[in-house]
Amino acid sequence: MASSNEVYMDTERVLNMAGGFKTMADVLETVNKALETAMQVLETTAFIGLVGGAVWARFIGLLQPAVKAMGEYCTEIDKDLRVAVEKYIGGDEQGASRFY
């Protein structure tokens, strides 16, 4: 019978979660690059006199840092989950070797 003090990790499931965060980070990085490009184009149109471009460039300028920060956060979670699995497996192997 398992003790309630034992800790188990479904490593495959955790690695799948890490992969999901990696995918989200990649998508957000792509969105961030697209927003940067759109902002540059809109700033150029504002320079030649299209006022609406300036408004959209400002809006994107406010949105883009949040997208970038979220992408960095997803990358960090991906790495943290992968390290947790690595440490869990490594600790399990290290602990088991004490009984041989």
N, C-alpha and C. Protein backbone atom coordinates (compact mmCIF):
# COMPACT_ATOMS: atom_id res chain seq x y z
N MET A 1 0.84 -1.17 0.00
CA MET A 1 0.00 0.00 0.00
C MET A 1 0.89 1.24 0.00
N ALA A 2 0.58 2.18 -0.84
CA ALA A 2 1.41 3.39 -0.98
C ALA A 2 1.18 4.33 0.19
N SER A 3 2.26 4.90 0.65
CA SER A 3 2.19 5.87 1.73
C SER A 3 1.72 7.21 1.17
N SER A 4 1.05 7.98 1.98
CA SER A 4 0.57 9.29 1.51
C SER A 4 1.72 10.30 1.40
N ASN A 5 2.92 9.93 1.89
CA ASN A 5 4.07 10.82 1.81
C ASN A 5 4.86 10.65 0.52
N GLU A 6 4.52 9.69 -0.29
CA GLU A 6 5.26 9.43 -1.52
C GLU A 6 4.83 10.40 -2.61
N VAL A 7 5.79 10.76 -3.44
CA VAL A 7 5.53 11.70 -4.52
C VAL A 7 5.82 11.00 -5.84
N TYR A 8 4.87 11.07 -6.75
CA TYR A 8 5.04 10.49 -8.07
C TYR A 8 4.76 11.55 -9.12
N MET A 9 5.48 11.46 -10.22
CA MET A 9 5.27 12.40 -11.32
C MET A 9 5.02 11.59 -12.59
N ASP A 10 3.97 11.94 -13.28
CA ASP A 10 3.72 11.35 -14.59
C ASP A 10 4.59 12.15 -15.57
N THR A 11 5.81 11.69 -15.76
CA THR A 11 6.80 12.46 -16.53
C THR A 11 6.34 12.71 -17.97
N GLU A 12 5.67 11.75 -18.55
CA GLU A 12 5.21 11.93 -19.93
C GLU A 12 4.19 13.07 -20.01
N ARG A 13 3.29 13.11 -19.05
CA ARG A 13 2.27 14.17 -19.04
C ARG A 13 2.92 15.54 -18.80
N VAL A 14 3.89 15.60 -17.90
CA VAL A 14 4.57 16.87 -17.63
C VAL A 14 5.36 17.33 -18.85
N LEU A 15 6.01 16.40 -19.54
CA LEU A 15 6.73 16.77 -20.76
C LEU A 15 5.77 17.24 -21.85
N ASN A 16 4.58 16.64 -21.91
CA ASN A 16 3.56 17.11 -22.86
C ASN A 16 3.12 18.54 -22.53
N MET A 17 2.96 18.83 -21.22
CA MET A 17 2.61 20.19 -20.81
C MET A 17 3.72 21.16 -21.21
N ALA A 18 4.98 20.74 -21.00
CA ALA A 18 6.11 21.59 -21.37
C ALA A 18 6.08 21.86 -22.87
N GLY A 19 5.78 20.83 -23.66
CA GLY A 19 5.68 20.99 -25.10
C GLY A 19 4.59 21.97 -25.49
N GLY A 20 3.48 21.95 -24.76
CA GLY A 20 2.40 22.91 -25.02
C GLY A 20 2.84 24.34 -24.76
N PHE A 21 3.58 24.54 -23.68
CA PHE A 21 4.09 25.88 -23.40
C PHE A 21 5.13 26.31 -24.43
N LYS A 22 5.92 25.37 -24.92
CA LYS A 22 6.91 25.68 -25.97
C LYS A 22 6.18 26.12 -27.24
N THR A 23 5.12 25.41 -27.58
CA THR A 23 4.33 25.77 -28.76
C THR A 23 3.73 27.16 -28.61
N MET A 24 3.17 27.43 -27.41
CA MET A 24 2.60 28.77 -27.17
C MET A 24 3.68 29.85 -27.28
N ALA A 25 4.86 29.56 -26.75
CA ALA A 25 5.96 30.52 -26.83
C ALA A 25 6.35 30.79 -28.28
N ASP A 26 6.40 29.74 -29.09
CA ASP A 26 6.74 29.90 -30.51
C ASP A 26 5.68 30.73 -31.24
N VAL A 27 4.41 30.46 -30.95
CA VAL A 27 3.33 31.22 -31.59
C VAL A 27 3.39 32.69 -31.18
N LEU A 28 3.61 32.93 -29.88
CA LEU A 28 3.68 34.31 -29.40
C LEU A 28 4.89 35.04 -29.97
N GLU A 29 5.98 34.34 -30.17
CA GLU A 29 7.16 34.96 -30.79
C GLU A 29 6.84 35.37 -32.23
N THR A 30 6.13 34.50 -32.95
CA THR A 30 5.72 34.82 -34.32
C THR A 30 4.78 36.02 -34.34
N VAL A 31 3.82 36.03 -33.42
CA VAL A 31 2.89 37.16 -33.33
C VAL A 31 3.65 38.44 -33.00
N ASN A 32 4.60 38.35 -32.09
CA ASN A 32 5.41 39.51 -31.71
C ASN A 32 6.15 40.08 -32.92
N LYS A 33 6.76 39.21 -33.72
CA LYS A 33 7.48 39.67 -34.92
C LYS A 33 6.52 40.32 -35.92
N ALA A 34 5.33 39.72 -36.06
CA ALA A 34 4.34 40.30 -36.97
C ALA A 34 3.88 41.67 -36.48
N LEU A 35 3.71 41.81 -35.17
CA LEU A 35 3.31 43.11 -34.62
C LEU A 35 4.40 44.16 -34.83
N GLU A 36 5.66 43.76 -34.66
CA GLU A 36 6.76 44.68 -34.90
C GLU A 36 6.77 45.17 -36.34
N THR A 37 6.57 44.23 -37.25
CA THR A 37 6.55 44.58 -38.68
C THR A 37 5.37 45.50 -38.98
N ALA A 38 4.20 45.17 -38.47
CA ALA A 38 3.02 46.00 -38.70
C ALA A 38 3.21 47.39 -38.13
N MET A 39 3.83 47.46 -36.96
CA MET A 39 4.06 48.76 -36.34
C MET A 39 5.01 49.61 -37.20
N GLN A 40 6.03 49.00 -37.75
CA GLN A 40 6.96 49.73 -38.61
C GLN A 40 6.26 50.25 -39.87
N VAL A 41 5.42 49.40 -40.45
CA VAL A 41 4.68 49.82 -41.65
C VAL A 41 3.73 50.96 -41.32
N LEU A 42 3.03 50.83 -40.21
CA LEU A 42 2.07 51.87 -39.82
C LEU A 42 2.77 53.18 -39.46
N GLU A 43 3.93 53.10 -38.83
CA GLU A 43 4.69 54.32 -38.53
C GLU A 43 5.15 55.00 -39.82
N THR A 44 5.49 54.19 -40.81
CA THR A 44 5.89 54.75 -42.11
C THR A 44 4.71 55.44 -42.77
N THR A 45 3.53 54.81 -42.72
CA THR A 45 2.35 55.45 -43.32
C THR A 45 1.97 56.72 -42.57
N ALA A 46 2.20 56.72 -41.25
CA ALA A 46 1.90 57.93 -40.48
C ALA A 46 2.86 59.05 -40.88
N PHE A 47 4.08 58.67 -41.19
CA PHE A 47 5.08 59.66 -41.59
C PHE A 47 4.68 60.36 -42.89
N ILE A 48 4.01 59.60 -43.79
CA ILE A 48 3.63 60.22 -45.07
C ILE A 48 2.25 60.85 -45.00
N GLY A 49 1.64 60.89 -43.81
CA GLY A 49 0.43 61.67 -43.65
C GLY A 49 -0.84 60.90 -43.34
N LEU A 50 -0.79 59.61 -43.24
CA LEU A 50 -2.00 58.86 -42.92
C LEU A 50 -2.12 58.76 -41.40
N VAL A 51 -3.01 59.57 -40.83
CA VAL A 51 -3.14 59.69 -39.38
C VAL A 51 -3.63 58.39 -38.76
N GLY A 52 -4.49 57.66 -39.45
CA GLY A 52 -4.99 56.38 -38.92
C GLY A 52 -3.86 55.40 -38.65
N GLY A 53 -2.82 55.45 -39.47
CA GLY A 53 -1.66 54.58 -39.26
C GLY A 53 -0.99 54.86 -37.94
N ALA A 54 -0.93 56.11 -37.56
CA ALA A 54 -0.30 56.49 -36.28
C ALA A 54 -1.10 55.95 -35.10
N VAL A 55 -2.41 55.99 -35.22
CA VAL A 55 -3.26 55.47 -34.14
C VAL A 55 -3.06 53.96 -34.00
N TRP A 56 -3.08 53.25 -35.11
CA TRP A 56 -2.87 51.80 -35.05
C TRP A 56 -1.46 51.45 -34.58
N ALA A 57 -0.48 52.23 -34.99
CA ALA A 57 0.90 51.98 -34.54
C ALA A 57 0.99 52.15 -33.03
N ARG A 58 0.30 53.15 -32.49
CA ARG A 58 0.30 53.35 -31.03
C ARG A 58 -0.38 52.19 -30.33
N PHE A 59 -1.51 51.74 -30.86
CA PHE A 59 -2.22 50.61 -30.27
C PHE A 59 -1.34 49.36 -30.26
N ILE A 60 -0.72 49.07 -31.38
CA ILE A 60 0.16 47.91 -31.47
C ILE A 60 1.36 48.08 -30.54
N GLY A 61 1.86 49.30 -30.44
CA GLY A 61 2.97 49.59 -29.54
C GLY A 61 2.63 49.30 -28.08
N LEU A 62 1.38 49.45 -27.72
CA LEU A 62 0.95 49.13 -26.35
C LEU A 62 0.74 47.63 -26.18
N LEU A 63 0.30 46.95 -27.22
CA LEU A 63 -0.01 45.52 -27.16
C LEU A 63 1.24 44.64 -27.26
N GLN A 64 2.18 45.06 -28.08
CA GLN A 64 3.36 44.24 -28.39
C GLN A 64 4.20 43.87 -27.18
N PRO A 65 4.47 44.75 -26.22
CA PRO A 65 5.27 44.35 -25.06
C PRO A 65 4.60 43.25 -24.22
N ALA A 66 3.29 43.29 -24.12
CA ALA A 66 2.58 42.25 -23.37
C ALA A 66 2.70 40.89 -24.06
N VAL A 67 2.61 40.87 -25.37
CA VAL A 67 2.75 39.63 -26.13
C VAL A 67 4.16 39.08 -25.96
N LYS A 68 5.15 39.96 -26.03
CA LYS A 68 6.53 39.55 -25.87
C LYS A 68 6.77 38.97 -24.47
N ALA A 69 6.26 39.64 -23.45
CA ALA A 69 6.43 39.17 -22.07
C ALA A 69 5.76 37.81 -21.86
N MET A 70 4.58 37.63 -22.43
CA MET A 70 3.88 36.35 -22.28
C MET A 70 4.65 35.23 -22.97
N GLY A 71 5.23 35.51 -24.13
CA GLY A 71 6.05 34.51 -24.82
C GLY A 71 7.26 34.12 -24.00
N GLU A 72 7.91 35.11 -23.38
CA GLU A 72 9.07 34.81 -22.52
C GLU A 72 8.66 34.00 -21.31
N TYR A 73 7.49 34.29 -20.76
CA TYR A 73 6.98 33.55 -19.61
C TYR A 73 6.69 32.09 -19.98
N CYS A 74 6.11 31.88 -21.15
CA CYS A 74 5.83 30.51 -21.61
C CYS A 74 7.13 29.73 -21.83
N THR A 75 8.14 30.39 -22.36
CA THR A 75 9.45 29.75 -22.54
C THR A 75 10.03 29.36 -21.18
N GLU A 76 9.89 30.24 -20.21
CA GLU A 76 10.41 29.95 -18.87
C GLU A 76 9.68 28.76 -18.24
N ILE A 77 8.37 28.69 -18.39
CA ILE A 77 7.60 27.57 -17.83
C ILE A 77 8.01 26.27 -18.52
N ASP A 78 8.19 26.30 -19.84
CA ASP A 78 8.65 25.12 -20.57
C ASP A 78 9.96 24.61 -20.00
N LYS A 79 10.92 25.51 -19.82
CA LYS A 79 12.23 25.11 -19.28
C LYS A 79 12.10 24.58 -17.85
N ASP A 80 11.30 25.24 -17.04
CA ASP A 80 11.12 24.81 -15.65
C ASP A 80 10.52 23.41 -15.57
N LEU A 81 9.53 23.12 -16.41
CA LEU A 81 8.91 21.80 -16.40
C LEU A 81 9.89 20.73 -16.85
N ARG A 82 10.67 21.04 -17.88
CA ARG A 82 11.66 20.06 -18.36
C ARG A 82 12.74 19.79 -17.31
N VAL A 83 13.18 20.83 -16.62
CA VAL A 83 14.17 20.64 -15.56
C VAL A 83 13.57 19.84 -14.41
N ALA A 84 12.31 20.08 -14.09
CA ALA A 84 11.66 19.33 -13.01
C ALA A 84 11.63 17.84 -13.33
N VAL A 85 11.30 17.49 -14.57
CA VAL A 85 11.29 16.09 -14.98
C VAL A 85 12.69 15.51 -14.91
N GLU A 86 13.66 16.27 -15.42
CA GLU A 86 15.05 15.81 -15.40
C GLU A 86 15.53 15.55 -13.97
N LYS A 87 15.23 16.47 -13.07
CA LYS A 87 15.64 16.32 -11.68
C LYS A 87 14.89 15.17 -11.00
N TYR A 88 13.63 15.01 -11.34
CA TYR A 88 12.83 13.92 -10.77
C TYR A 88 13.43 12.56 -11.19
N ILE A 89 13.71 12.42 -12.49
CA ILE A 89 14.27 11.15 -12.98
C ILE A 89 15.67 10.95 -12.42
N GLY A 90 16.48 12.00 -12.43
CA GLY A 90 17.85 11.91 -11.91
C GLY A 90 17.87 11.57 -10.43
N GLY A 91 16.98 12.17 -9.66
CA GLY A 91 16.90 11.87 -8.23
C GLY A 91 16.45 10.45 -7.98
N ASP A 92 15.54 9.98 -8.82
CA ASP A 92 15.06 8.61 -8.68
C ASP A 92 16.19 7.62 -8.95
N GLU A 93 16.97 7.86 -10.00
CA GLU A 93 18.10 6.99 -10.33
C GLU A 93 19.17 7.07 -9.25
N GLN A 94 19.43 8.27 -8.77
CA GLN A 94 20.44 8.47 -7.74
C GLN A 94 20.03 7.77 -6.44
N GLY A 95 18.77 7.89 -6.08
CA GLY A 95 18.29 7.24 -4.85
C GLY A 95 18.30 5.73 -4.97
N ALA A 96 17.93 5.23 -6.15
CA ALA A 96 17.90 3.77 -6.35
C ALA A 96 19.29 3.17 -6.28
N SER A 97 20.30 3.92 -6.71
CA SER A 97 21.67 3.37 -6.73
C SER A 97 22.21 3.15 -5.31
N ARG A 98 21.63 3.71 -4.33
CA ARG A 98 22.09 3.54 -2.94
C ARG A 98 21.78 2.16 -2.41
N PHE A 99 20.88 1.44 -3.05
CA PHE A 99 20.47 0.13 -2.55
C PHE A 99 21.12 -1.02 -3.30
N TYR A 100 22.03 -0.74 -4.21
CA TYR A 100 22.70 -1.81 -4.96
C TYR A 100 23.99 -2.18 -4.30
